[in-house]
């Protein structure tokens, strides 16, 4: 009877070990999934923070560009750039390395082209303070950004037809 009791205990303990193995494995998988979910959330949060920083820098740059009425202008003739409310949503593509990005913005561009003073009409316009032609066009502004030491900066910008 003593041998029978010992073998029953062994079988009971072995059965308990067999039953807990799947639970331990499931727990390890759940911990691994939780860790990868945390990493995914952290990556998404970092991307959203970068996109917000890029938008803020872009808006600041546009304000500065639009305020420089009499000074050097983008493409020589651009006087003012504003958001195109009827255009597509902003598109920001951040590189996998996180060190650069390209953003495209639909915008309305006001251009100013000086009139040549070789005609009587142009001379009269210049005399009255209207020596240029202004027009507004819908365009796409493409801006290259770089990230150094955790801060975004603008590397360059180009305008193209819509």
C-alpha atoms as a PDB file:
ATOM      1  CA  UNK A   1       0.000   0.000   0.000  1.00  0.00           C
ATOM      2  CA  UNK A   2       2.883   2.300   0.705  1.00  0.00           C
ATOM      3  CA  UNK A   3       4.290   1.800  -2.819  1.00  0.00           C
ATOM      4  CA  UNK A   4       0.880   2.358  -4.330  1.00  0.00           C
ATOM      5  CA  UNK A   5       0.475   5.636  -2.434  1.00  0.00           C
ATOM      6  CA  UNK A   6       3.868   6.911  -3.598  1.00  0.00           C
ATOM      7  CA  UNK A   7       3.153   6.083  -7.241  1.00  0.00           C
ATOM      8  CA  UNK A   8      -0.224   7.830  -6.983  1.00  0.00           C
ATOM      9  CA  UNK A   9       1.444  10.940  -5.619  1.00  0.00           C
ATOM     10  CA  UNK A  10       4.014  10.880  -8.429  1.00  0.00           C
ATOM     11  CA  UNK A  11       1.286  10.545 -11.044  1.00  0.00           C
ATOM     12  CA  UNK A  12      -0.642  13.370  -9.428  1.00  0.00           C
ATOM     13  CA  UNK A  13       2.434  15.658  -9.402  1.00  0.00           C
ATOM     14  CA  UNK A  14       3.369  14.711 -12.971  1.00  0.00           C
ATOM     15  CA  UNK A  15      -0.192  15.407 -14.079  1.00  0.00           C
ATOM     16  CA  UNK A  16      -0.076  18.794 -12.350  1.00  0.00           C
ATOM     17  CA  UNK A  17       3.151  19.668 -14.151  1.00  0.00           C
ATOM     18  CA  UNK A  18       1.602  18.643 -17.466  1.00  0.00           C
ATOM     19  CA  UNK A  19      -1.433  20.813 -16.778  1.00  0.00           C
ATOM     20  CA  UNK A  20       0.588  23.903 -15.823  1.00  0.00           C
ATOM     21  CA  UNK A  21       2.904  23.742 -18.855  1.00  0.00           C
ATOM     22  CA  UNK A  22       0.301  25.148 -21.300  1.00  0.00           C
ATOM     23  CA  UNK A  23      -0.598  27.872 -18.804  1.00  0.00           C
ATOM     24  CA  UNK A  24       3.045  28.893 -18.468  1.00  0.00           C
ATOM     25  CA  UNK A  25       3.469  28.886 -22.254  1.00  0.00           C
ATOM     26  CA  UNK A  26       0.337  30.988 -22.710  1.00  0.00           C
ATOM     27  CA  UNK A  27       1.579  33.407 -20.077  1.00  0.00           C
ATOM     28  CA  UNK A  28       4.927  33.778 -21.879  1.00  0.00           C
ATOM     29  CA  UNK A  29       3.142  34.428 -25.193  1.00  0.00           C
ATOM     30  CA  UNK A  30       0.879  37.007 -23.529  1.00  0.00           C
ATOM     31  CA  UNK A  31       3.885  38.786 -22.005  1.00  0.00           C
ATOM     32  CA  UNK A  32       5.624  38.797 -25.399  1.00  0.00           C
ATOM     33  CA  UNK A  33       2.492  40.172 -27.104  1.00  0.00           C
ATOM     34  CA  UNK A  34       2.166  42.812 -24.406  1.00  0.00           C
ATOM     35  CA  UNK A  35       5.779  43.891 -24.915  1.00  0.00           C
ATOM     36  CA  UNK A  36       5.342  44.129 -28.696  1.00  0.00           C
ATOM     37  CA  UNK A  37       2.087  46.090 -28.219  1.00  0.00           C
ATOM     38  CA  UNK A  38       3.956  48.524 -25.953  1.00  0.00           C
ATOM     39  CA  UNK A  39       6.678  48.911 -28.592  1.00  0.00           C
ATOM     40  CA  UNK A  40       4.040  49.464 -31.279  1.00  0.00           C
ATOM     41  CA  UNK A  41       2.293  52.122 -29.180  1.00  0.00           C
ATOM     42  CA  UNK A  42       5.597  53.856 -28.433  1.00  0.00           C
ATOM     43  CA  UNK A  43       6.490  53.905 -32.141  1.00  0.00           C
ATOM     44  CA  UNK A  44       3.057  55.278 -33.045  1.00  0.00           C
ATOM     45  CA  UNK A  45       3.298  57.956 -30.344  1.00  0.00           C
ATOM     46  CA  UNK A  46       6.776  58.969 -31.582  1.00  0.00           C
ATOM     47  CA  UNK A  47       5.462  59.215 -35.173  1.00  0.00           C
ATOM     48  CA  UNK A  48       2.481  61.344 -34.093  1.00  0.00           C
ATOM     49  CA  UNK A  49       4.753  63.639 -32.073  1.00  0.00           C
ATOM     50  CA  UNK A  50       7.073  64.014 -35.085  1.00  0.00           C
ATOM     51  CA  UNK A  51       4.128  64.820 -37.377  1.00  0.00           C
ATOM     52  CA  UNK A  52       2.872  67.460 -34.917  1.00  0.00           C
ATOM     53  CA  UNK A  53       6.350  69.019 -34.678  1.00  0.00           C
ATOM     54  CA  UNK A  54       6.643  69.090 -38.491  1.00  0.00           C
ATOM     55  CA  UNK A  55       3.232  70.778 -38.859  1.00  0.00           C
ATOM     56  CA  UNK A  56       4.130  73.360 -36.206  1.00  0.00           C
ATOM     57  CA  UNK A  57       7.472  74.131 -37.898  1.00  0.00           C
ATOM     58  CA  UNK A  58       5.739  74.388 -41.292  1.00  0.00           C
ATOM     59  CA  UNK A  59       3.139  76.845 -39.965  1.00  0.00           C
ATOM     60  CA  UNK A  60       5.854  78.961 -38.341  1.00  0.00           C
ATOM     61  CA  UNK A  61       7.875  78.983 -41.566  1.00  0.00           C
ATOM     62  CA  UNK A  62       4.813  80.074 -43.593  1.00  0.00           C
ATOM     63  CA  UNK A  63       4.122  82.934 -41.173  1.00  0.00           C
ATOM     64  CA  UNK A  64       7.726  84.129 -41.534  1.00  0.00           C
ATOM     65  CA  UNK A  65       7.649  83.758 -45.315  1.00  0.00           C
ATOM     66  CA  UNK A  66       4.382  85.690 -45.616  1.00  0.00           C
ATOM     67  CA  UNK A  67       5.633  88.464 -43.290  1.00  0.00           C
ATOM     68  CA  UNK A  68       8.682  89.171 -45.488  1.00  0.00           C
ATOM     69  CA  UNK A  69       6.721  91.147 -48.032  1.00  0.00           C
ATOM     70  CA  UNK A  70       9.528  93.298 -49.366  1.00  0.00           C
ATOM     71  CA  UNK A  71      12.424  90.871 -49.043  1.00  0.00           C
ATOM     72  CA  UNK A  72      13.595  87.766 -50.881  1.00  0.00           C
ATOM     73  CA  UNK A  73      10.705  85.492 -51.790  1.00  0.00           C
ATOM     74  CA  UNK A  74      10.389  81.792 -52.576  1.00  0.00           C
ATOM     75  CA  UNK A  75      10.827  81.286 -56.370  1.00  0.00           C
ATOM     76  CA  UNK A  76      11.295  85.040 -56.801  1.00  0.00           C
ATOM     77  CA  UNK A  77       7.640  85.872 -57.533  1.00  0.00           C
ATOM     78  CA  UNK A  78       5.781  84.238 -54.631  1.00  0.00           C
ATOM     79  CA  UNK A  79       4.275  86.877 -52.399  1.00  0.00           C
ATOM     80  CA  UNK A  80       2.121  84.789 -50.071  1.00  0.00           C
ATOM     81  CA  UNK A  81       1.295  81.108 -49.419  1.00  0.00           C
ATOM     82  CA  UNK A  82      -1.882  80.069 -47.629  1.00  0.00           C
ATOM     83  CA  UNK A  83      -3.553  76.745 -46.918  1.00  0.00           C
ATOM     84  CA  UNK A  84      -5.864  75.541 -49.679  1.00  0.00           C
ATOM     85  CA  UNK A  85      -9.058  74.715 -47.806  1.00  0.00           C
ATOM     86  CA  UNK A  86     -10.415  72.827 -50.834  1.00  0.00           C
ATOM     87  CA  UNK A  87      -7.232  70.795 -51.231  1.00  0.00           C
ATOM     88  CA  UNK A  88      -6.267  67.354 -49.999  1.00  0.00           C
ATOM     89  CA  UNK A  89      -5.151  66.723 -46.434  1.00  0.00           C
ATOM     90  CA  UNK A  90      -1.500  67.257 -45.540  1.00  0.00           C
ATOM     91  CA  UNK A  91       0.702  64.269 -46.296  1.00  0.00           C
ATOM     92  CA  UNK A  92       3.760  63.653 -44.128  1.00  0.00           C
ATOM     93  CA  UNK A  93       6.067  60.723 -44.813  1.00  0.00           C
ATOM     94  CA  UNK A  94       8.694  60.111 -42.147  1.00  0.00           C
ATOM     95  CA  UNK A  95      11.667  57.942 -43.142  1.00  0.00           C
ATOM     96  CA  UNK A  96      12.105  54.611 -41.372  1.00  0.00           C
ATOM     97  CA  UNK A  97      15.232  55.988 -39.698  1.00  0.00           C
ATOM     98  CA  UNK A  98      13.190  58.883 -38.265  1.00  0.00           C
ATOM     99  CA  UNK A  99      15.902  61.343 -39.329  1.00  0.00           C
ATOM    100  CA  UNK A 100      14.127  62.879 -42.326  1.00  0.00           C
ATOM    101  CA  UNK A 101      10.670  63.512 -43.701  1.00  0.00           C
ATOM    102  CA  UNK A 102       8.913  64.844 -46.773  1.00  0.00           C
ATOM    103  CA  UNK A 103       5.637  66.695 -46.417  1.00  0.00           C
ATOM    104  CA  UNK A 104       3.285  67.880 -49.130  1.00  0.00           C
ATOM    105  CA  UNK A 105       0.695  70.582 -48.591  1.00  0.00           C
ATOM    106  CA  UNK A 106      -1.968  71.809 -50.993  1.00  0.00           C
ATOM    107  CA  UNK A 107      -1.849  75.594 -50.946  1.00  0.00           C
ATOM    108  CA  UNK A 108      -2.916  78.803 -52.629  1.00  0.00           C
ATOM    109  CA  UNK A 109       0.038  80.803 -53.897  1.00  0.00           C
ATOM    110  CA  UNK A 110      -0.206  84.521 -54.566  1.00  0.00           C
ATOM    111  CA  UNK A 111       2.384  85.566 -57.132  1.00  0.00           C
ATOM    112  CA  UNK A 112       3.517  89.032 -58.033  1.00  0.00           C
ATOM    113  CA  UNK A 113       5.163  89.710 -61.386  1.00  0.00           C
ATOM    114  CA  UNK A 114       6.625  93.191 -61.998  1.00  0.00           C
ATOM    115  CA  UNK A 115       5.396  95.043 -65.085  1.00  0.00           C
ATOM    116  CA  UNK A 116       8.024  96.016 -67.611  1.00  0.00           C
ATOM    117  CA  UNK A 117       8.168  99.806 -67.907  1.00  0.00           C
ATOM    118  CA  UNK A 118       8.388  99.817 -71.708  1.00  0.00           C
ATOM    119  CA  UNK A 119       4.770 100.832 -72.403  1.00  0.00           C
ATOM    120  CA  UNK A 120       2.722 103.898 -71.546  1.00  0.00           C
ATOM    121  CA  UNK A 121       0.193 101.788 -69.610  1.00  0.00           C
ATOM    122  CA  UNK A 122       2.972 100.172 -67.527  1.00  0.00           C
ATOM    123  CA  UNK A 123       4.562 103.567 -66.854  1.00  0.00           C
ATOM    124  CA  UNK A 124       1.207 104.930 -65.653  1.00  0.00           C
ATOM    125  CA  UNK A 125       0.728 101.886 -63.388  1.00  0.00           C
ATOM    126  CA  UNK A 126       4.216 102.366 -61.912  1.00  0.00           C
ATOM    127  CA  UNK A 127       3.527 106.072 -61.319  1.00  0.00           C
ATOM    128  CA  UNK A 128       0.378 105.150 -59.355  1.00  0.00           C
ATOM    129  CA  UNK A 129       2.160 102.504 -57.277  1.00  0.00           C
ATOM    130  CA  UNK A 130       0.794  99.511 -59.201  1.00  0.00           C
ATOM    131  CA  UNK A 131       3.884  98.223 -60.944  1.00  0.00           C
ATOM    132  CA  UNK A 132       3.045  94.533 -60.805  1.00  0.00           C
ATOM    133  CA  UNK A 133       0.447  91.920 -61.659  1.00  0.00           C
ATOM    134  CA  UNK A 134      -0.840  89.677 -58.882  1.00  0.00           C
ATOM    135  CA  UNK A 135      -2.504  86.323 -59.374  1.00  0.00           C
ATOM    136  CA  UNK A 136      -3.392  83.402 -57.139  1.00  0.00           C
ATOM    137  CA  UNK A 137      -2.932  79.764 -58.163  1.00  0.00           C
ATOM    138  CA  UNK A 138      -3.483  76.443 -56.453  1.00  0.00           C
ATOM    139  CA  UNK A 139      -0.196  74.575 -56.025  1.00  0.00           C
ATOM    140  CA  UNK A 140       1.442  71.761 -54.075  1.00  0.00           C
ATOM    141  CA  UNK A 141       4.207  72.728 -51.662  1.00  0.00           C
ATOM    142  CA  UNK A 142       6.713  69.953 -51.020  1.00  0.00           C
ATOM    143  CA  UNK A 143       8.973  70.477 -48.006  1.00  0.00           C
ATOM    144  CA  UNK A 144      12.016  68.387 -47.011  1.00  0.00           C
ATOM    145  CA  UNK A 145      12.685  68.129 -43.276  1.00  0.00           C
ATOM    146  CA  UNK A 146      15.674  66.822 -41.318  1.00  0.00           C
ATOM    147  CA  UNK A 147      15.856  65.853 -37.650  1.00  0.00           C
ATOM    148  CA  UNK A 148      19.042  66.523 -35.686  1.00  0.00           C
ATOM    149  CA  UNK A 149      19.432  66.291 -31.932  1.00  0.00           C
ATOM    150  CA  UNK A 150      15.689  65.719 -31.567  1.00  0.00           C
ATOM    151  CA  UNK A 151      14.722  68.921 -33.464  1.00  0.00           C
ATOM    152  CA  UNK A 152      13.201  69.209 -36.918  1.00  0.00           C
ATOM    153  CA  UNK A 153      14.483  71.738 -39.458  1.00  0.00           C
ATOM    154  CA  UNK A 154      13.593  72.586 -43.046  1.00  0.00           C
ATOM    155  CA  UNK A 155      16.124  71.563 -45.700  1.00  0.00           C
ATOM    156  CA  UNK A 156      14.277  72.904 -48.715  1.00  0.00           C
ATOM    157  CA  UNK A 157      10.928  73.572 -50.335  1.00  0.00           C
ATOM    158  CA  UNK A 158       9.577  73.401 -53.867  1.00  0.00           C
ATOM    159  CA  UNK A 159       6.312  74.425 -55.474  1.00  0.00           C
ATOM    160  CA  UNK A 160       4.696  72.503 -58.309  1.00  0.00           C
ATOM    161  CA  UNK A 161       1.482  72.762 -60.249  1.00  0.00           C
ATOM    162  CA  UNK A 162      -1.550  70.986 -58.845  1.00  0.00           C
END
